Amino acid sequence: MQEGEPVLRISGEIYGCVFTKQDFTNYDLKLKVKWGEKKWVPRIDEPRDSGILYNSQGECGVDYWHSWMLSQEFQVSEHQKGNAMGDFWCIANSSADIRASFDATKDTLKFNPTAAPVTMGKGGKGFCQAAANYELPNGQWNELELIHVNGKSIHLVNGHVVLAVDNSSFVVNGQRQPLTHGKIQLQSEAAEVYYKGIMIKPLDAMPKQYAQYFK
């Protein structure tokens, strides 16, 4: 308990996750997050890191760290070394289409709503930077929001759209299959982190103010 509110503390000492029992599809997820002080090997000198993994299916341990389920990642990361809240990662053999521009100086993709869609995963880039950094200073609570409807997702950080994900899928025998529902995982990834105010509500459709990101 902190200031009378229940708070989930993730120590970060091991790579792993806490995940829902329930399978979710078509929803608006909101939560608040702030960093603790502790960091652990192998990320002592790296930005603090966690993540919201959505559309999570199958067994844990199928990703590159042998810790998480097949899923899409709304990255929760300290803004350093090109990382930011709301970045996107393909976990295991997931895939998606994101409008992004290539930054040759950083050898990575960055969300750009006016750019052409880029297919993530499937042997290509598995990471895309958020459009901008809206993280508050360490010690303050950041409000994150994930809107997911029918394989389309919006990542918001403190009220700002930072990334849009289309055609959420996973690859089997070289073919993309829809990945539109699943459990929700919160990562433990070598940094102490706190979550609170976790709320989720069902949606019938993508809210109109976000439809422009999928035209």
C-alpha atoms as a PDB file:
ATOM      1  CA  MET A   1       0.000   0.000   0.000  1.00  0.00           C
ATOM      2  CA  GLN A   2       1.221   3.507  -0.879  1.00  0.00           C
ATOM      3  CA  GLU A   3      -0.724   6.569   0.278  1.00  0.00           C
ATOM      4  CA  GLY A   4      -3.759   4.385   0.836  1.00  0.00           C
ATOM      5  CA  GLU A   5      -3.715   2.776  -2.622  1.00  0.00           C
ATOM      6  CA  PRO A   6      -2.852  -0.806  -3.576  1.00  0.00           C
ATOM      7  CA  VAL A   7       0.324  -0.878  -5.684  1.00  0.00           C
ATOM      8  CA  LEU A   8       1.919  -3.762  -7.552  1.00  0.00           C
ATOM      9  CA  ARG A   9       5.687  -3.788  -6.964  1.00  0.00           C
ATOM     10  CA  ILE A  10       7.842  -5.750  -9.397  1.00  0.00           C
ATOM     11  CA  SER A  11      11.335  -6.152  -7.971  1.00  0.00           C
ATOM     12  CA  GLY A  12      12.936  -6.928 -11.341  1.00  0.00           C
ATOM     13  CA  GLU A  13      15.377  -9.427  -9.827  1.00  0.00           C
ATOM     14  CA  ILE A  14      14.475 -12.112 -12.362  1.00  0.00           C
ATOM     15  CA  TYR A  15      13.179 -12.072 -15.927  1.00  0.00           C
ATOM     16  CA  GLY A  16       9.519 -13.048 -15.904  1.00  0.00           C
ATOM     17  CA  CYS A  17       6.008 -11.653 -15.743  1.00  0.00           C
ATOM     18  CA  VAL A  18       2.705 -11.544 -13.970  1.00  0.00           C
ATOM     19  CA  PHE A  19      -0.228 -12.197 -16.285  1.00  0.00           C
ATOM     20  CA  THR A  20      -4.006 -12.267 -16.293  1.00  0.00           C
ATOM     21  CA  LYS A  21      -5.989 -15.466 -16.093  1.00  0.00           C
ATOM     22  CA  GLN A  22      -8.534 -13.968 -18.474  1.00  0.00           C
ATOM     23  CA  ASP A  23      -8.245 -13.636 -22.240  1.00  0.00           C
ATOM     24  CA  PHE A  24      -9.076 -10.108 -23.474  1.00  0.00           C
ATOM     25  CA  THR A  25     -10.096  -8.679 -26.833  1.00  0.00           C
ATOM     26  CA  ASN A  26     -11.418  -5.237 -27.851  1.00  0.00           C
ATOM     27  CA  TYR A  27     -10.669  -3.122 -24.791  1.00  0.00           C
ATOM     28  CA  ASP A  28      -9.276   0.079 -23.323  1.00  0.00           C
ATOM     29  CA  LEU A  29      -6.560  -0.595 -20.723  1.00  0.00           C
ATOM     30  CA  LYS A  30      -5.293   2.165 -18.441  1.00  0.00           C
ATOM     31  CA  LEU A  31      -2.646   1.985 -15.747  1.00  0.00           C
ATOM     32  CA  LYS A  32      -0.061   4.113 -13.982  1.00  0.00           C
ATOM     33  CA  VAL A  33       3.625   3.287 -13.688  1.00  0.00           C
ATOM     34  CA  LYS A  34       6.709   4.704 -11.987  1.00  0.00           C
ATOM     35  CA  TRP A  35      10.267   3.485 -11.525  1.00  0.00           C
ATOM     36  CA  GLY A  36      11.854   2.218  -8.348  1.00  0.00           C
ATOM     37  CA  GLU A  37      15.534   2.596  -7.503  1.00  0.00           C
ATOM     38  CA  LYS A  38      16.907  -0.924  -7.947  1.00  0.00           C
ATOM     39  CA  LYS A  39      18.480  -2.324 -11.109  1.00  0.00           C
ATOM     40  CA  TRP A  40      19.884  -5.785 -11.725  1.00  0.00           C
ATOM     41  CA  VAL A  41      22.290  -7.672 -13.979  1.00  0.00           C
ATOM     42  CA  PRO A  42      22.359  -7.743 -16.994  1.00  0.00           C
ATOM     43  CA  ARG A  43      20.888  -4.210 -17.229  1.00  0.00           C
ATOM     44  CA  ILE A  44      22.851  -2.337 -14.553  1.00  0.00           C
ATOM     45  CA  ASP A  45      24.079   0.176 -17.133  1.00  0.00           C
ATOM     46  CA  GLU A  46      20.967   0.088 -19.326  1.00  0.00           C
ATOM     47  CA  PRO A  47      17.706   2.091 -19.157  1.00  0.00           C
ATOM     48  CA  ARG A  48      15.136   0.797 -16.673  1.00  0.00           C
ATOM     49  CA  ASP A  49      12.778  -1.521 -18.516  1.00  0.00           C
ATOM     50  CA  SER A  50       9.452  -3.324 -18.202  1.00  0.00           C
ATOM     51  CA  GLY A  51       6.518  -3.733 -20.572  1.00  0.00           C
ATOM     52  CA  ILE A  52       2.868  -4.439 -21.190  1.00  0.00           C
ATOM     53  CA  LEU A  53       2.562  -7.544 -23.360  1.00  0.00           C
ATOM     54  CA  TYR A  54      -0.843  -7.900 -24.987  1.00  0.00           C
ATOM     55  CA  ASN A  55      -2.560 -10.480 -27.185  1.00  0.00           C
ATOM     56  CA  SER A  56      -0.481 -12.978 -25.213  1.00  0.00           C
ATOM     57  CA  GLN A  57      -1.068 -16.592 -26.178  1.00  0.00           C
ATOM     58  CA  GLY A  58       0.457 -20.015 -25.564  1.00  0.00           C
ATOM     59  CA  GLU A  59       3.163 -20.983 -23.114  1.00  0.00           C
ATOM     60  CA  CYS A  60       5.617 -18.705 -21.333  1.00  0.00           C
ATOM     61  CA  GLY A  61       9.259 -18.892 -22.359  1.00  0.00           C
ATOM     62  CA  VAL A  62       8.948 -18.886 -26.155  1.00  0.00           C
ATOM     63  CA  ASP A  63      10.664 -15.518 -26.648  1.00  0.00           C
ATOM     64  CA  TYR A  64      14.370 -14.683 -26.871  1.00  0.00           C
ATOM     65  CA  TRP A  65      14.742 -14.370 -23.041  1.00  0.00           C
ATOM     66  CA  HIS A  66      12.755 -17.584 -22.414  1.00  0.00           C
ATOM     67  CA  SER A  67      10.429 -15.602 -20.151  1.00  0.00           C
ATOM     68  CA  TRP A  68       7.256 -14.488 -21.928  1.00  0.00           C
ATOM     69  CA  MET A  69       4.407 -15.640 -24.161  1.00  0.00           C
ATOM     70  CA  LEU A  70       3.927 -14.872 -27.827  1.00  0.00           C
ATOM     71  CA  SER A  71       2.567 -11.318 -27.784  1.00  0.00           C
ATOM     72  CA  GLN A  72       2.898  -7.680 -28.841  1.00  0.00           C
ATOM     73  CA  GLU A  73       4.766  -5.293 -26.542  1.00  0.00           C
ATOM     74  CA  PHE A  74       3.857  -1.804 -25.391  1.00  0.00           C
ATOM     75  CA  GLN A  75       7.302  -1.065 -24.022  1.00  0.00           C
ATOM     76  CA  VAL A  76       7.636   0.558 -20.624  1.00  0.00           C
ATOM     77  CA  SER A  77      11.159   1.974 -20.714  1.00  0.00           C
ATOM     78  CA  GLU A  78      13.167   4.801 -19.240  1.00  0.00           C
ATOM     79  CA  HIS A  79      13.966   7.406 -21.897  1.00  0.00           C
ATOM     80  CA  GLN A  80      17.620   6.696 -22.642  1.00  0.00           C
ATOM     81  CA  LYS A  81      19.649   5.338 -25.560  1.00  0.00           C
ATOM     82  CA  GLY A  82      16.734   5.648 -27.982  1.00  0.00           C
ATOM     83  CA  ASN A  83      14.243   3.850 -25.722  1.00  0.00           C
ATOM     84  CA  ALA A  84      10.969   5.454 -24.675  1.00  0.00           C
ATOM     85  CA  MET A  85       7.595   4.704 -23.149  1.00  0.00           C
ATOM     86  CA  GLY A  86       5.290   3.272 -25.804  1.00  0.00           C
ATOM     87  CA  ASP A  87       7.894   1.712 -28.112  1.00  0.00           C
ATOM     88  CA  PHE A  88       6.855  -1.503 -29.880  1.00  0.00           C
ATOM     89  CA  TRP A  89       8.498  -4.936 -29.865  1.00  0.00           C
ATOM     90  CA  CYS A  90       7.464  -8.162 -31.550  1.00  0.00           C
ATOM     91  CA  ILE A  91       7.658 -10.928 -28.941  1.00  0.00           C
ATOM     92  CA  ALA A  92       8.476 -14.413 -30.259  1.00  0.00           C
ATOM     93  CA  ASN A  93       6.986 -14.872 -33.754  1.00  0.00           C
ATOM     94  CA  SER A  94       4.468 -12.018 -33.648  1.00  0.00           C
ATOM     95  CA  SER A  95       4.116  -9.547 -36.507  1.00  0.00           C
ATOM     96  CA  ALA A  96       2.289  -6.283 -37.235  1.00  0.00           C
ATOM     97  CA  ASP A  97       2.144  -3.334 -39.644  1.00  0.00           C
ATOM     98  CA  ILE A  98       3.311   0.071 -38.362  1.00  0.00           C
ATOM     99  CA  ARG A  99       3.622   3.330 -40.268  1.00  0.00           C
ATOM    100  CA  ALA A 100       7.270   4.166 -39.714  1.00  0.00           C
ATOM    101  CA  SER A 101      10.267   5.995 -41.145  1.00  0.00           C
ATOM    102  CA  PHE A 102      13.784   4.590 -41.093  1.00  0.00           C
ATOM    103  CA  ASP A 103      16.399   6.574 -39.189  1.00  0.00           C
ATOM    104  CA  ALA A 104      19.702   5.563 -40.789  1.00  0.00           C
ATOM    105  CA  THR A 105      21.758   7.233 -38.059  1.00  0.00           C
ATOM    106  CA  LYS A 106      20.207   4.991 -35.422  1.00  0.00           C
ATOM    107  CA  ASP A 107      19.543   1.942 -37.613  1.00  0.00           C
ATOM    108  CA  THR A 108      15.962   1.707 -36.414  1.00  0.00           C
ATOM    109  CA  LEU A 109      12.373   2.535 -37.289  1.00  0.00           C
ATOM    110  CA  LYS A 110      10.329   5.305 -35.693  1.00  0.00           C
ATOM    111  CA  PHE A 111       6.547   5.677 -35.771  1.00  0.00           C
ATOM    112  CA  ASN A 112       5.433   8.244 -38.354  1.00  0.00           C
ATOM    113  CA  PRO A 113       1.664   8.398 -39.024  1.00  0.00           C
ATOM    114  CA  THR A 114       2.254   9.857 -42.508  1.00  0.00           C
ATOM    115  CA  ALA A 115       4.736   7.174 -43.610  1.00  0.00           C
ATOM    116  CA  ALA A 116       4.010   3.946 -45.472  1.00  0.00           C
ATOM    117  CA  PRO A 117       3.288   0.829 -43.382  1.00  0.00           C
ATOM    118  CA  VAL A 118       6.234  -1.408 -42.518  1.00  0.00           C
ATOM    119  CA  THR A 119       5.735  -5.076 -41.661  1.00  0.00           C
ATOM    120  CA  MET A 120       7.342  -5.859 -38.327  1.00  0.00           C
ATOM    121  CA  GLY A 121       8.672  -9.302 -37.503  1.00  0.00           C
ATOM    122  CA  LYS A 122       8.514 -12.077 -40.084  1.00  0.00           C
ATOM    123  CA  GLY A 123      12.286 -11.937 -40.448  1.00  0.00           C
ATOM    124  CA  GLY A 124      12.402  -8.121 -40.559  1.00  0.00           C
ATOM    125  CA  LYS A 125      12.704  -5.423 -37.922  1.00  0.00           C
ATOM    126  CA  GLY A 126      11.067  -6.384 -34.643  1.00  0.00           C
ATOM    127  CA  PHE A 127      11.317  -2.984 -32.942  1.00  0.00           C
ATOM    128  CA  CYS A 128       9.794   0.435 -33.621  1.00  0.00           C
ATOM    129  CA  GLN A 129      10.390   3.598 -31.619  1.00  0.00           C
ATOM    130  CA  ALA A 130       7.547   5.697 -30.291  1.00  0.00           C
ATOM    131  CA  ALA A 131       6.911   8.986 -32.102  1.00  0.00           C
ATOM    132  CA  ALA A 132       8.186  11.065 -29.176  1.00  0.00           C
ATOM    133  CA  ASN A 133       9.060  10.914 -25.499  1.00  0.00           C
ATOM    134  CA  TYR A 134       6.347  11.997 -23.047  1.00  0.00           C
ATOM    135  CA  GLU A 135       7.686  10.300 -19.923  1.00  0.00           C
ATOM    136  CA  LEU A 136       7.573  12.306 -16.695  1.00  0.00           C
ATOM    137  CA  PRO A 137      10.689  12.623 -14.489  1.00  0.00           C
ATOM    138  CA  ASN A 138      11.601   9.578 -12.406  1.00  0.00           C
ATOM    139  CA  GLY A 139       9.580   9.304  -9.220  1.00  0.00           C
ATOM    140  CA  GLN A 140       6.372  10.556 -10.851  1.00  0.00           C
ATOM    141  CA  TRP A 141       3.495   8.371 -11.997  1.00  0.00           C
ATOM    142  CA  ASN A 142       3.036   8.067 -15.775  1.00  0.00           C
ATOM    143  CA  GLU A 143      -0.401   7.194 -17.159  1.00  0.00           C
ATOM    144  CA  LEU A 144      -0.299   4.641 -19.953  1.00  0.00           C
ATOM    145  CA  GLU A 145      -3.242   3.633 -22.112  1.00  0.00           C
ATOM    146  CA  LEU A 146      -3.572   0.780 -24.594  1.00  0.00           C
ATOM    147  CA  ILE A 147      -6.593   0.717 -26.899  1.00  0.00           C
ATOM    148  CA  HIS A 148      -6.962  -2.532 -28.818  1.00  0.00           C
ATOM    149  CA  VAL A 149      -9.790  -3.395 -31.239  1.00  0.00           C
ATOM    150  CA  ASN A 150      -9.796  -6.143 -33.868  1.00  0.00           C
ATOM    151  CA  GLY A 151      -6.032  -6.295 -34.307  1.00  0.00           C
ATOM    152  CA  LYS A 152      -5.559  -2.519 -34.270  1.00  0.00           C
ATOM    153  CA  SER A 153      -3.850  -0.877 -31.288  1.00  0.00           C
ATOM    154  CA  ILE A 154      -3.068   2.626 -30.060  1.00  0.00           C
ATOM    155  CA  HIS A 155      -0.277   3.290 -27.543  1.00  0.00           C
ATOM    156  CA  LEU A 156      -0.759   6.430 -25.429  1.00  0.00           C
ATOM    157  CA  VAL A 157       1.650   7.932 -22.878  1.00  0.00           C
ATOM    158  CA  ASN A 158       0.323  10.653 -20.578  1.00  0.00           C
ATOM    159  CA  GLY A 159      -2.488  11.347 -23.050  1.00  0.00           C
ATOM    160  CA  HIS A 160      -0.315  11.461 -26.194  1.00  0.00           C
ATOM    161  CA  VAL A 161      -0.554   8.972 -29.063  1.00  0.00           C
ATOM    162  CA  VAL A 162       2.966   7.648 -29.587  1.00  0.00           C
ATOM    163  CA  LEU A 163       2.367   4.609 -31.821  1.00  0.00           C
ATOM    164  CA  ALA A 164      -0.341   2.770 -33.784  1.00  0.00           C
ATOM    165  CA  VAL A 165      -0.220  -0.961 -34.551  1.00  0.00           C
ATOM    166  CA  ASP A 166      -2.238  -2.514 -37.380  1.00  0.00           C
ATOM    167  CA  ASN A 167      -2.816  -6.100 -38.509  1.00  0.00           C
ATOM    168  CA  SER A 168      -1.604  -7.732 -35.303  1.00  0.00           C
ATOM    169  CA  SER A 169      -0.598 -11.258 -36.235  1.00  0.00           C
ATOM    170  CA  PHE A 170       1.822 -14.121 -35.708  1.00  0.00           C
ATOM    171  CA  VAL A 171       3.760 -16.151 -38.233  1.00  0.00           C
ATOM    172  CA  VAL A 172       3.301 -19.896 -38.733  1.00  0.00           C
ATOM    173  CA  ASN A 173       5.192 -21.677 -41.516  1.00  0.00           C
ATOM    174  CA  GLY A 174       5.879 -18.301 -43.116  1.00  0.00           C
ATOM    175  CA  GLN A 175       2.213 -17.267 -43.127  1.00  0.00           C
ATOM    176  CA  ARG A 176       0.659 -14.531 -40.988  1.00  0.00           C
ATOM    177  CA  GLN A 177      -2.304 -15.499 -38.802  1.00  0.00           C
ATOM    178  CA  PRO A 178      -4.485 -13.018 -36.840  1.00  0.00           C
ATOM    179  CA  LEU A 179      -3.385 -12.243 -33.265  1.00  0.00           C
ATOM    180  CA  THR A 180      -6.342 -10.271 -31.934  1.00  0.00           C
ATOM    181  CA  HIS A 181      -6.870 -11.478 -28.377  1.00  0.00           C
ATOM    182  CA  GLY A 182      -5.022 -12.937 -25.419  1.00  0.00           C
ATOM    183  CA  LYS A 183      -3.830 -12.449 -21.885  1.00  0.00           C
ATOM    184  CA  ILE A 184      -2.037  -9.341 -20.619  1.00  0.00           C
ATOM    185  CA  GLN A 185       1.469  -9.672 -19.154  1.00  0.00           C
ATOM    186  CA  LEU A 186       3.442  -7.158 -17.089  1.00  0.00           C
ATOM    187  CA  GLN A 187       7.186  -7.748 -17.388  1.00  0.00           C
ATOM    188  CA  SER A 188       9.903  -8.106 -14.791  1.00  0.00           C
ATOM    189  CA  GLU A 189      13.051  -7.110 -16.655  1.00  0.00           C
ATOM    190  CA  ALA A 190      15.957  -6.251 -14.320  1.00  0.00           C
ATOM    191  CA  ALA A 191      14.462  -3.030 -12.908  1.00  0.00           C
ATOM    192  CA  GLU A 192      12.260  -2.244  -9.933  1.00  0.00           C
ATOM    193  CA  VAL A 193       8.937  -0.840 -11.130  1.00  0.00           C
ATOM    194  CA  TYR A 194       5.538  -0.011  -9.632  1.00  0.00           C
ATOM    195  CA  TYR A 195       2.092  -0.246 -11.236  1.00  0.00           C
ATOM    196  CA  LYS A 196      -1.258   0.977  -9.916  1.00  0.00           C
ATOM    197  CA  GLY A 197      -4.739   2.022 -11.007  1.00  0.00           C
ATOM    198  CA  ILE A 198      -5.020  -0.844 -13.489  1.00  0.00           C
ATOM    199  CA  MET A 199      -8.410  -0.586 -15.222  1.00  0.00           C
ATOM    200  CA  ILE A 200      -9.816  -2.269 -18.313  1.00  0.00           C
ATOM    201  CA  LYS A 201     -13.150  -1.823 -20.067  1.00  0.00           C
ATOM    202  CA  PRO A 202     -14.591  -3.493 -23.164  1.00  0.00           C
ATOM    203  CA  LEU A 203     -14.960  -1.606 -26.442  1.00  0.00           C
ATOM    204  CA  ASP A 204     -17.254  -2.280 -29.397  1.00  0.00           C
ATOM    205  CA  ALA A 205     -15.172  -0.307 -31.884  1.00  0.00           C
ATOM    206  CA  MET A 206     -12.052   1.817 -32.200  1.00  0.00           C
ATOM    207  CA  PRO A 207     -12.867   5.317 -30.869  1.00  0.00           C
ATOM    208  CA  LYS A 208     -13.396   7.765 -33.739  1.00  0.00           C
ATOM    209  CA  GLN A 209     -10.557  10.093 -32.710  1.00  0.00           C
ATOM    210  CA  TYR A 210      -8.062   7.304 -33.417  1.00  0.00           C
ATOM    211  CA  ALA A 211      -9.481   5.984 -36.698  1.00  0.00           C
ATOM    212  CA  GLN A 212      -7.225   8.353 -38.684  1.00  0.00           C
ATOM    213  CA  TYR A 213      -4.191   6.268 -37.749  1.00  0.00           C
ATOM    214  CA  PHE A 214      -5.495   3.297 -39.731  1.00  0.00           C
ATOM    215  CA  LYS A 215      -6.514   4.945 -43.006  1.00  0.00           C
END
